[in-house]
Amino acid sequence: MAATTPAQPLVARTVLVTGGSSGIGQATARLFAERGARVFATSRGQHPDEGGVEMLRLDVRSAESVRRCVDEVLARAGQLDVLVNNAGVMQEGFVEETSDADAAAVMDANFFGTVRVTHAVLPGMRERRRGRIINVGSLAAWVGEPGEGFYAASKAALARYTEALRHEVWHLGIAVSLVEPGAFATGVLRAGSVTEATISDYDGPRESAHRTLRDALRRGADPRKAAAVIGKVASVSAPRARYGAGWDGVWVPYLKAVLPQRVVDLALRRGYHLPMRRPR
């Protein structure tokens, strides 16, 4: 059995990136391919291989689809050095307006989807005593932004899962890290969904929250900057537990930790153009 060396440097010879057909996932897959790795990227639809990236079909909501995808990677490459869990969905809607089914669908894709893929690759990494798992979370895990409550909840769950897993597999030479991007121009809303049911009491705040979110993502940073952070996590000798991507991904968690909650609340409500006073 190979010696156990926690958080050892890793030469990324084989990489699997879920949600790799657009946005941060696509930029990440291309980055690893440019660095000479053999890269597999996934999508729920059919996409041709491009730029040294081998595309595979994967629906992270299906255990059978996950098993087939991971088996295909191992059959072609023989091993997997880096897993980037990037696949996920966006759901716009105020909490009370979101159905149980829609809320469960977000959790299934964003949280349990990552769990399924991670658990499928862990046996091989444990056997080799080597590997990197990089989960792509979101700044929403820190803020609980209005209009995307269940998306934020799924990313908060992912953050704690990642932290626990990091400690559990550290002694096996497997490094686990979380990358939390802020606003990036990824097109995530085009692939997302909007809650159909509405409650009139939320009409004004809902419109303001949705407009703010869409404007922020439209003006968001280049996904290649987030990909560069993921590439760093895969190559440094001792990766940290968490990395922010984008100025907001770096600074907002820090400011939320040091500022009084009242200040944080006022800043968020002002930023989302929400009512600043409660009715008397």
C-alpha atoms as a PDB file:
ATOM      1  CA  MET A   1       0.000   0.000   0.000  1.00  0.00           C
ATOM      2  CA  ALA A   2       1.269   3.464  -0.892  1.00  0.00           C
ATOM      3  CA  ALA A   3       2.458   5.747   1.880  1.00  0.00           C
ATOM      4  CA  THR A   4      -0.064   8.174   3.259  1.00  0.00           C
ATOM      5  CA  THR A   5       0.900  11.785   2.670  1.00  0.00           C
ATOM      6  CA  PRO A   6      -1.914  14.251   3.380  1.00  0.00           C
ATOM      7  CA  ALA A   7      -2.357  17.216   1.031  1.00  0.00           C
ATOM      8  CA  GLN A   8       0.516  16.195  -1.214  1.00  0.00           C
ATOM      9  CA  PRO A   9       1.251  18.148  -4.421  1.00  0.00           C
ATOM     10  CA  LEU A  10      -0.630  16.731  -7.359  1.00  0.00           C
ATOM     11  CA  VAL A  11       0.202  16.565 -11.042  1.00  0.00           C
ATOM     12  CA  ALA A  12      -3.264  16.697 -12.614  1.00  0.00           C
ATOM     13  CA  ARG A  13      -2.956  14.036 -15.291  1.00  0.00           C
ATOM     14  CA  THR A  14      -6.672  13.208 -15.432  1.00  0.00           C
ATOM     15  CA  VAL A  15      -9.433  15.654 -14.525  1.00  0.00           C
ATOM     16  CA  LEU A  16     -13.215  15.350 -14.433  1.00  0.00           C
ATOM     17  CA  VAL A  17     -15.252  18.577 -14.482  1.00  0.00           C
ATOM     18  CA  THR A  18     -19.005  18.293 -14.045  1.00  0.00           C
ATOM     19  CA  GLY A  19     -21.175  20.970 -15.600  1.00  0.00           C
ATOM     20  CA  GLY A  20     -18.440  21.594 -18.133  1.00  0.00           C
ATOM     21  CA  SER A  21     -20.332  22.763 -21.212  1.00  0.00           C
ATOM     22  CA  SER A  22     -20.476  26.470 -20.299  1.00  0.00           C
ATOM     23  CA  GLY A  23     -19.439  29.106 -17.789  1.00  0.00           C
ATOM     24  CA  ILE A  24     -16.962  28.309 -15.038  1.00  0.00           C
ATOM     25  CA  GLY A  25     -16.996  24.577 -15.786  1.00  0.00           C
ATOM     26  CA  GLN A  26     -16.125  25.076 -19.442  1.00  0.00           C
ATOM     27  CA  ALA A  27     -13.385  27.597 -18.607  1.00  0.00           C
ATOM     28  CA  THR A  28     -11.961  25.193 -16.018  1.00  0.00           C
ATOM     29  CA  ALA A  29     -11.936  22.246 -18.404  1.00  0.00           C
ATOM     30  CA  ARG A  30     -10.150  24.299 -21.058  1.00  0.00           C
ATOM     31  CA  LEU A  31      -7.589  25.533 -18.530  1.00  0.00           C
ATOM     32  CA  PHE A  32      -6.633  22.011 -17.459  1.00  0.00           C
ATOM     33  CA  ALA A  33      -6.471  20.877 -21.093  1.00  0.00           C
ATOM     34  CA  GLU A  34      -4.130  23.770 -21.911  1.00  0.00           C
ATOM     35  CA  ARG A  35      -1.906  22.601 -19.057  1.00  0.00           C
ATOM     36  CA  GLY A  36      -1.591  19.173 -20.637  1.00  0.00           C
ATOM     37  CA  ALA A  37      -4.054  17.190 -18.536  1.00  0.00           C
ATOM     38  CA  ARG A  38      -6.477  14.694 -19.970  1.00  0.00           C
ATOM     39  CA  VAL A  39      -9.797  16.348 -19.299  1.00  0.00           C
ATOM     40  CA  PHE A  40     -13.304  14.958 -19.208  1.00  0.00           C
ATOM     41  CA  ALA A  41     -16.166  17.429 -18.916  1.00  0.00           C
ATOM     42  CA  THR A  42     -19.829  16.616 -18.526  1.00  0.00           C
ATOM     43  CA  SER A  43     -23.187  17.948 -19.578  1.00  0.00           C
ATOM     44  CA  ARG A  44     -26.748  16.708 -19.414  1.00  0.00           C
ATOM     45  CA  GLY A  45     -27.016  17.192 -23.181  1.00  0.00           C
ATOM     46  CA  GLN A  46     -24.875  15.954 -26.048  1.00  0.00           C
ATOM     47  CA  HIS A  47     -21.818  18.104 -26.766  1.00  0.00           C
ATOM     48  CA  PRO A  48     -18.900  17.385 -29.118  1.00  0.00           C
ATOM     49  CA  ASP A  49     -15.323  17.115 -27.875  1.00  0.00           C
ATOM     50  CA  GLU A  50     -13.565  20.453 -28.143  1.00  0.00           C
ATOM     51  CA  GLY A  51     -10.074  21.793 -27.572  1.00  0.00           C
ATOM     52  CA  GLY A  52      -8.700  18.647 -26.015  1.00  0.00           C
ATOM     53  CA  VAL A  53     -11.712  18.235 -23.710  1.00  0.00           C
ATOM     54  CA  GLU A  54     -13.584  14.931 -23.926  1.00  0.00           C
ATOM     55  CA  MET A  55     -17.297  15.491 -23.330  1.00  0.00           C
ATOM     56  CA  LEU A  56     -19.457  12.948 -21.515  1.00  0.00           C
ATOM     57  CA  ARG A  57     -23.157  12.933 -20.736  1.00  0.00           C
ATOM     58  CA  LEU A  58     -24.010  13.113 -17.056  1.00  0.00           C
ATOM     59  CA  ASP A  59     -27.085  13.897 -15.023  1.00  0.00           C
ATOM     60  CA  VAL A  60     -25.875  14.293 -11.447  1.00  0.00           C
ATOM     61  CA  ARG A  61     -29.427  13.675 -10.219  1.00  0.00           C
ATOM     62  CA  SER A  62     -29.217  10.049 -11.366  1.00  0.00           C
ATOM     63  CA  ALA A  63     -27.064   7.519  -9.511  1.00  0.00           C
ATOM     64  CA  GLU A  64     -26.996   5.319 -12.619  1.00  0.00           C
ATOM     65  CA  SER A  65     -25.836   8.199 -14.815  1.00  0.00           C
ATOM     66  CA  VAL A  66     -23.096   9.023 -12.306  1.00  0.00           C
ATOM     67  CA  ARG A  67     -21.915   5.418 -12.207  1.00  0.00           C
ATOM     68  CA  ARG A  68     -21.762   5.167 -16.006  1.00  0.00           C
ATOM     69  CA  CYS A  69     -19.853   8.436 -16.319  1.00  0.00           C
ATOM     70  CA  VAL A  70     -17.219   7.609 -13.701  1.00  0.00           C
ATOM     71  CA  ASP A  71     -16.818   4.081 -15.095  1.00  0.00           C
ATOM     72  CA  GLU A  72     -16.256   5.590 -18.553  1.00  0.00           C
ATOM     73  CA  VAL A  73     -13.569   7.953 -17.269  1.00  0.00           C
ATOM     74  CA  LEU A  74     -11.744   5.128 -15.502  1.00  0.00           C
ATOM     75  CA  ALA A  75     -12.064   2.834 -18.527  1.00  0.00           C
ATOM     76  CA  ARG A  76     -10.519   5.443 -20.819  1.00  0.00           C
ATOM     77  CA  ALA A  77      -7.906   6.950 -18.506  1.00  0.00           C
ATOM     78  CA  GLY A  78      -7.305   4.299 -15.842  1.00  0.00           C
ATOM     79  CA  GLN A  79      -7.386   6.782 -12.975  1.00  0.00           C
ATOM     80  CA  LEU A  80      -8.754  10.127 -11.839  1.00  0.00           C
ATOM     81  CA  ASP A  81      -6.542  12.728 -10.200  1.00  0.00           C
ATOM     82  CA  VAL A  82      -8.859  15.736  -9.849  1.00  0.00           C
ATOM     83  CA  LEU A  83     -12.621  15.974  -9.549  1.00  0.00           C
ATOM     84  CA  VAL A  84     -14.225  19.397  -9.964  1.00  0.00           C
ATOM     85  CA  ASN A  85     -17.861  19.316  -8.866  1.00  0.00           C
ATOM     86  CA  ASN A  86     -19.316  22.275 -10.707  1.00  0.00           C
ATOM     87  CA  ALA A  87     -22.712  21.078 -11.983  1.00  0.00           C
ATOM     88  CA  GLY A  88     -25.704  22.845 -10.496  1.00  0.00           C
ATOM     89  CA  VAL A  89     -28.901  24.751 -11.169  1.00  0.00           C
ATOM     90  CA  MET A  90     -30.320  28.141 -10.242  1.00  0.00           C
ATOM     91  CA  GLN A  91     -33.868  28.559  -8.977  1.00  0.00           C
ATOM     92  CA  GLU A  92     -35.316  32.071  -8.705  1.00  0.00           C
ATOM     93  CA  GLY A  93     -38.203  32.467  -6.333  1.00  0.00           C
ATOM     94  CA  PHE A  94     -39.127  33.712  -2.889  1.00  0.00           C
ATOM     95  CA  VAL A  95     -39.182  30.980  -0.282  1.00  0.00           C
ATOM     96  CA  GLU A  96     -42.927  30.871   0.391  1.00  0.00           C
ATOM     97  CA  GLU A  97     -43.648  30.864  -3.343  1.00  0.00           C
ATOM     98  CA  THR A  98     -41.376  27.886  -4.039  1.00  0.00           C
ATOM     99  CA  SER A  99     -43.026  24.471  -4.101  1.00  0.00           C
ATOM    100  CA  ASP A 100     -41.618  21.535  -2.170  1.00  0.00           C
ATOM    101  CA  ALA A 101     -40.841  19.816  -5.476  1.00  0.00           C
ATOM    102  CA  ASP A 102     -38.893  22.794  -6.843  1.00  0.00           C
ATOM    103  CA  ALA A 103     -36.975  23.201  -3.587  1.00  0.00           C
ATOM    104  CA  ALA A 104     -36.111  19.486  -3.545  1.00  0.00           C
ATOM    105  CA  ALA A 105     -34.957  19.650  -7.175  1.00  0.00           C
ATOM    106  CA  VAL A 106     -32.468  22.405  -6.336  1.00  0.00           C
ATOM    107  CA  MET A 107     -31.098  20.476  -3.362  1.00  0.00           C
ATOM    108  CA  ASP A 108     -30.902  17.288  -5.426  1.00  0.00           C
ATOM    109  CA  ALA A 109     -28.856  18.876  -8.211  1.00  0.00           C
ATOM    110  CA  ASN A 110     -26.648  21.236  -6.216  1.00  0.00           C
ATOM    111  CA  PHE A 111     -26.010  19.195  -3.088  1.00  0.00           C
ATOM    112  CA  PHE A 112     -26.839  15.537  -3.586  1.00  0.00           C
ATOM    113  CA  GLY A 113     -25.508  15.651  -7.147  1.00  0.00           C
ATOM    114  CA  THR A 114     -22.090  16.559  -5.783  1.00  0.00           C
ATOM    115  CA  VAL A 115     -22.437  13.858  -3.137  1.00  0.00           C
ATOM    116  CA  ARG A 116     -23.199  11.198  -5.777  1.00  0.00           C
ATOM    117  CA  VAL A 117     -20.223  12.048  -7.980  1.00  0.00           C
ATOM    118  CA  THR A 118     -17.846  12.395  -5.034  1.00  0.00           C
ATOM    119  CA  HIS A 119     -18.828   9.045  -3.582  1.00  0.00           C
ATOM    120  CA  ALA A 120     -18.352   7.424  -6.984  1.00  0.00           C
ATOM    121  CA  VAL A 121     -14.729   8.606  -7.301  1.00  0.00           C
ATOM    122  CA  LEU A 122     -13.618   8.196  -3.688  1.00  0.00           C
ATOM    123  CA  PRO A 123     -12.932   4.419  -3.832  1.00  0.00           C
ATOM    124  CA  GLY A 124     -10.317   4.898  -6.553  1.00  0.00           C
ATOM    125  CA  MET A 125      -8.697   7.824  -4.788  1.00  0.00           C
ATOM    126  CA  ARG A 126      -8.619   5.925  -1.504  1.00  0.00           C
ATOM    127  CA  GLU A 127      -6.966   2.958  -3.166  1.00  0.00           C
ATOM    128  CA  ARG A 128      -4.275   5.160  -4.696  1.00  0.00           C
ATOM    129  CA  ARG A 129      -3.967   7.351  -1.556  1.00  0.00           C
ATOM    130  CA  ARG A 130      -4.035  10.358  -3.828  1.00  0.00           C
ATOM    131  CA  GLY A 131      -6.474  12.850  -5.290  1.00  0.00           C
ATOM    132  CA  ARG A 132      -8.056  16.281  -5.230  1.00  0.00           C
ATOM    133  CA  ILE A 133     -11.765  17.058  -4.912  1.00  0.00           C
ATOM    134  CA  ILE A 134     -12.776  20.653  -5.577  1.00  0.00           C
ATOM    135  CA  ASN A 135     -16.384  21.597  -4.940  1.00  0.00           C
ATOM    136  CA  VAL A 136     -17.689  24.774  -6.536  1.00  0.00           C
ATOM    137  CA  GLY A 137     -20.006  26.522  -4.111  1.00  0.00           C
ATOM    138  CA  SER A 138     -21.278  30.085  -4.149  1.00  0.00           C
ATOM    139  CA  LEU A 139     -21.115  33.358  -2.286  1.00  0.00           C
ATOM    140  CA  ALA A 140     -24.860  32.803  -1.768  1.00  0.00           C
ATOM    141  CA  ALA A 141     -23.945  30.348   0.990  1.00  0.00           C
ATOM    142  CA  TRP A 142     -22.769  33.316   3.053  1.00  0.00           C
ATOM    143  CA  VAL A 143     -25.421  35.865   2.243  1.00  0.00           C
ATOM    144  CA  GLY A 144     -28.774  34.147   1.837  1.00  0.00           C
ATOM    145  CA  GLU A 145     -29.734  36.463  -0.988  1.00  0.00           C
ATOM    146  CA  PRO A 146     -33.467  37.182  -1.318  1.00  0.00           C
ATOM    147  CA  GLY A 147     -35.055  35.499  -4.296  1.00  0.00           C
ATOM    148  CA  GLU A 148     -32.749  32.483  -4.273  1.00  0.00           C
ATOM    149  CA  GLY A 149     -33.234  31.049  -0.796  1.00  0.00           C
ATOM    150  CA  PHE A 150     -33.096  27.388  -1.748  1.00  0.00           C
ATOM    151  CA  TYR A 151     -30.106  27.907  -4.018  1.00  0.00           C
ATOM    152  CA  ALA A 152     -28.331  29.550  -1.083  1.00  0.00           C
ATOM    153  CA  ALA A 153     -29.407  26.712   1.219  1.00  0.00           C
ATOM    154  CA  SER A 154     -28.030  24.101  -1.180  1.00  0.00           C
ATOM    155  CA  LYS A 155     -24.677  25.875  -1.337  1.00  0.00           C
ATOM    156  CA  ALA A 156     -24.535  26.279   2.448  1.00  0.00           C
ATOM    157  CA  ALA A 157     -25.136  22.542   2.802  1.00  0.00           C
ATOM    158  CA  LEU A 158     -22.381  21.917   0.266  1.00  0.00           C
ATOM    159  CA  ALA A 159     -19.959  24.050   2.287  1.00  0.00           C
ATOM    160  CA  ARG A 160     -20.437  22.063   5.480  1.00  0.00           C
ATOM    161  CA  TYR A 161     -20.348  18.729   3.625  1.00  0.00           C
ATOM    162  CA  THR A 162     -17.066  19.776   2.017  1.00  0.00           C
ATOM    163  CA  GLU A 163     -15.588  20.747   5.371  1.00  0.00           C
ATOM    164  CA  ALA A 164     -16.530  17.435   6.977  1.00  0.00           C
ATOM    165  CA  LEU A 165     -15.270  15.386   4.034  1.00  0.00           C
ATOM    166  CA  ARG A 166     -11.991  17.314   4.040  1.00  0.00           C
ATOM    167  CA  HIS A 167     -11.223  16.138   7.566  1.00  0.00           C
ATOM    168  CA  GLU A 168     -12.423  12.573   6.964  1.00  0.00           C
ATOM    169  CA  VAL A 169     -10.151  11.867   3.966  1.00  0.00           C
ATOM    170  CA  TRP A 170      -7.135  14.023   4.839  1.00  0.00           C
ATOM    171  CA  HIS A 171      -5.200  11.074   6.297  1.00  0.00           C
ATOM    172  CA  LEU A 172      -5.738   9.186   3.029  1.00  0.00           C
ATOM    173  CA  GLY A 173      -3.814  11.711   0.928  1.00  0.00           C
ATOM    174  CA  ILE A 174      -6.985  13.192  -0.584  1.00  0.00           C
ATOM    175  CA  ALA A 175      -7.328  16.973  -0.441  1.00  0.00           C
ATOM    176  CA  VAL A 176     -10.829  18.500  -0.474  1.00  0.00           C
ATOM    177  CA  SER A 177     -11.451  22.202  -0.991  1.00  0.00           C
ATOM    178  CA  LEU A 178     -14.325  24.571  -1.637  1.00  0.00           C
ATOM    179  CA  VAL A 179     -14.211  27.375  -4.212  1.00  0.00           C
ATOM    180  CA  GLU A 180     -16.939  29.979  -3.732  1.00  0.00           C
ATOM    181  CA  PRO A 181     -17.374  32.376  -6.667  1.00  0.00           C
ATOM    182  CA  GLY A 182     -19.173  35.659  -6.407  1.00  0.00           C
ATOM    183  CA  ALA A 183     -20.953  37.123  -9.435  1.00  0.00           C
ATOM    184  CA  PHE A 184     -19.617  35.731 -12.699  1.00  0.00           C
ATOM    185  CA  ALA A 185     -21.041  36.036 -16.207  1.00  0.00           C
ATOM    186  CA  THR A 186     -21.816  32.340 -16.612  1.00  0.00           C
ATOM    187  CA  GLY A 187     -25.286  32.269 -18.146  1.00  0.00           C
ATOM    188  CA  VAL A 188     -26.528  30.263 -15.155  1.00  0.00           C
ATOM    189  CA  LEU A 189     -29.907  32.000 -15.269  1.00  0.00           C
ATOM    190  CA  ARG A 190     -30.531  30.866 -18.844  1.00  0.00           C
ATOM    191  CA  ALA A 191     -30.313  27.273 -17.668  1.00  0.00           C
ATOM    192  CA  GLY A 192     -32.234  27.927 -14.467  1.00  0.00           C
ATOM    193  CA  SER A 193     -35.902  28.221 -13.657  1.00  0.00           C
ATOM    194  CA  VAL A 194     -38.273  30.693 -12.060  1.00  0.00           C
ATOM    195  CA  THR A 195     -40.973  29.786  -9.565  1.00  0.00           C
ATOM    196  CA  GLU A 196     -44.350  29.952 -11.290  1.00  0.00           C
ATOM    197  CA  ALA A 197     -46.567  30.541  -8.252  1.00  0.00           C
ATOM    198  CA  THR A 198     -46.675  34.088  -6.930  1.00  0.00           C
ATOM    199  CA  ILE A 199     -48.095  35.820  -3.849  1.00  0.00           C
ATOM    200  CA  SER A 200     -49.044  39.457  -4.367  1.00  0.00           C
ATOM    201  CA  ASP A 201     -47.517  40.585  -1.056  1.00  0.00           C
ATOM    202  CA  TYR A 202     -44.080  39.807  -2.536  1.00  0.00           C
ATOM    203  CA  ASP A 203     -44.560  41.433  -5.953  1.00  0.00           C
ATOM    204  CA  GLY A 204     -42.409  44.545  -5.422  1.00  0.00           C
ATOM    205  CA  PRO A 205     -39.556  42.973  -3.445  1.00  0.00           C
ATOM    206  CA  ARG A 206     -39.495  39.957  -5.783  1.00  0.00           C
ATOM    207  CA  GLU A 207     -39.139  42.134  -8.862  1.00  0.00           C
ATOM    208  CA  SER A 208     -36.358  44.158  -7.208  1.00  0.00           C
ATOM    209  CA  ALA A 209     -34.485  41.040  -6.049  1.00  0.00           C
ATOM    210  CA  HIS A 210     -34.678  39.339  -9.438  1.00  0.00           C
ATOM    211  CA  ARG A 211     -33.582  42.486 -11.269  1.00  0.00           C
ATOM    212  CA  THR A 212     -30.632  42.952  -8.908  1.00  0.00           C
ATOM    213  CA  LEU A 213     -29.501  39.345  -9.323  1.00  0.00           C
ATOM    214  CA  ARG A 214     -29.757  39.428 -13.094  1.00  0.00           C
ATOM    215  CA  ASP A 215     -27.918  42.739 -13.356  1.00  0.00           C
ATOM    216  CA  ALA A 216     -25.121  41.444 -11.107  1.00  0.00           C
ATOM    217  CA  LEU A 217     -24.663  38.291 -13.183  1.00  0.00           C
ATOM    218  CA  ARG A 218     -24.846  40.201 -16.450  1.00  0.00           C
ATOM    219  CA  ARG A 219     -22.031  42.468 -15.260  1.00  0.00           C
ATOM    220  CA  GLY A 220     -20.183  39.581 -13.622  1.00  0.00           C
ATOM    221  CA  ALA A 221     -16.533  38.724 -13.956  1.00  0.00           C
ATOM    222  CA  ASP A 222     -14.976  36.549 -16.656  1.00  0.00           C
ATOM    223  CA  PRO A 223     -15.414  32.839 -15.758  1.00  0.00           C
ATOM    224  CA  ARG A 224     -11.751  32.290 -16.621  1.00  0.00           C
ATOM    225  CA  LYS A 225     -10.843  34.116 -13.412  1.00  0.00           C
ATOM    226  CA  ALA A 226     -12.768  31.559 -11.357  1.00  0.00           C
ATOM    227  CA  ALA A 227     -11.186  28.775 -13.415  1.00  0.00           C
ATOM    228  CA  ALA A 228      -7.749  30.138 -12.516  1.00  0.00           C
ATOM    229  CA  VAL A 229      -8.593  29.803  -8.822  1.00  0.00           C
ATOM    230  CA  ILE A 230      -9.693  26.194  -9.347  1.00  0.00           C
ATOM    231  CA  GLY A 231      -6.484  25.493 -11.261  1.00  0.00           C
ATOM    232  CA  LYS A 232      -4.472  26.884  -8.352  1.00  0.00           C
ATOM    233  CA  VAL A 233      -6.284  24.648  -5.863  1.00  0.00           C
ATOM    234  CA  ALA A 234      -5.412  21.605  -7.979  1.00  0.00           C
ATOM    235  CA  SER A 235      -1.709  22.413  -8.065  1.00  0.00           C
ATOM    236  CA  VAL A 236      -0.647  23.936  -4.744  1.00  0.00           C
ATOM    237  CA  SER A 237       1.103  21.642  -2.282  1.00  0.00           C
ATOM    238  CA  ALA A 238      -1.304  22.236   0.612  1.00  0.00           C
ATOM    239  CA  PRO A 239      -4.670  23.571  -0.569  1.00  0.00           C
ATOM    240  CA  ARG A 240      -6.758  25.547   1.890  1.00  0.00           C
ATOM    241  CA  ALA A 241     -10.267  24.556   2.904  1.00  0.00           C
ATOM    242  CA  ARG A 242     -11.882  27.512   1.164  1.00  0.00           C
ATOM    243  CA  TYR A 243     -11.076  29.901  -1.673  1.00  0.00           C
ATOM    244  CA  GLY A 244     -13.115  32.893  -2.751  1.00  0.00           C
ATOM    245  CA  ALA A 245     -13.284  33.751  -6.444  1.00  0.00           C
ATOM    246  CA  GLY A 246     -13.919  37.317  -7.531  1.00  0.00           C
ATOM    247  CA  TRP A 247     -13.642  40.376  -5.324  1.00  0.00           C
ATOM    248  CA  ASP A 248     -17.032  39.734  -3.730  1.00  0.00           C
ATOM    249  CA  GLY A 249     -16.247  36.062  -3.163  1.00  0.00           C
ATOM    250  CA  VAL A 250     -13.140  37.142  -1.256  1.00  0.00           C
ATOM    251  CA  TRP A 251     -14.364  40.175   0.688  1.00  0.00           C
ATOM    252  CA  VAL A 252     -18.056  39.651   1.446  1.00  0.00           C
ATOM    253  CA  PRO A 253     -17.494  36.656   3.796  1.00  0.00           C
ATOM    254  CA  TYR A 254     -14.825  38.628   5.645  1.00  0.00           C
ATOM    255  CA  LEU A 255     -17.015  41.720   5.980  1.00  0.00           C
ATOM    256  CA  LYS A 256     -19.974  39.654   7.124  1.00  0.00           C
ATOM    257  CA  ALA A 257     -17.795  38.122   9.843  1.00  0.00           C
ATOM    258  CA  VAL A 258     -16.545  41.441  11.216  1.00  0.00           C
ATOM    259  CA  LEU A 259     -19.477  43.816  10.730  1.00  0.00           C
ATOM    260  CA  PRO A 260     -22.518  43.958  13.026  1.00  0.00           C
ATOM    261  CA  GLN A 261     -25.497  42.029  11.668  1.00  0.00           C
ATOM    262  CA  ARG A 262     -27.561  45.223  11.545  1.00  0.00           C
ATOM    263  CA  VAL A 263     -25.070  46.773   9.132  1.00  0.00           C
ATOM    264  CA  VAL A 264     -25.046  43.638   6.980  1.00  0.00           C
ATOM    265  CA  ASP A 265     -28.853  43.611   6.868  1.00  0.00           C
ATOM    266  CA  LEU A 266     -29.070  47.264   5.857  1.00  0.00           C
ATOM    267  CA  ALA A 267     -26.430  46.849   3.158  1.00  0.00           C
ATOM    268  CA  LEU A 268     -28.151  43.812   1.674  1.00  0.00           C
ATOM    269  CA  ARG A 269     -31.601  45.392   1.682  1.00  0.00           C
ATOM    270  CA  ARG A 270     -30.258  48.571   0.127  1.00  0.00           C
ATOM    271  CA  GLY A 271     -28.314  46.600  -2.469  1.00  0.00           C
ATOM    272  CA  TYR A 272     -31.408  44.629  -3.464  1.00  0.00           C
ATOM    273  CA  HIS A 273     -33.671  47.708  -3.368  1.00  0.00           C
ATOM    274  CA  LEU A 274     -35.916  46.110  -0.767  1.00  0.00           C
ATOM    275  CA  PRO A 275     -38.159  48.058   1.637  1.00  0.00           C
ATOM    276  CA  MET A 276     -36.030  49.646   4.352  1.00  0.00           C
ATOM    277  CA  ARG A 277     -38.808  50.133   6.923  1.00  0.00           C
ATOM    278  CA  ARG A 278     -41.351  47.753   8.366  1.00  0.00           C
ATOM    279  CA  PRO A 279     -44.999  48.868   8.522  1.00  0.00           C
ATOM    280  CA  ARG A 280     -46.051  50.141  11.915  1.00  0.00           C
END
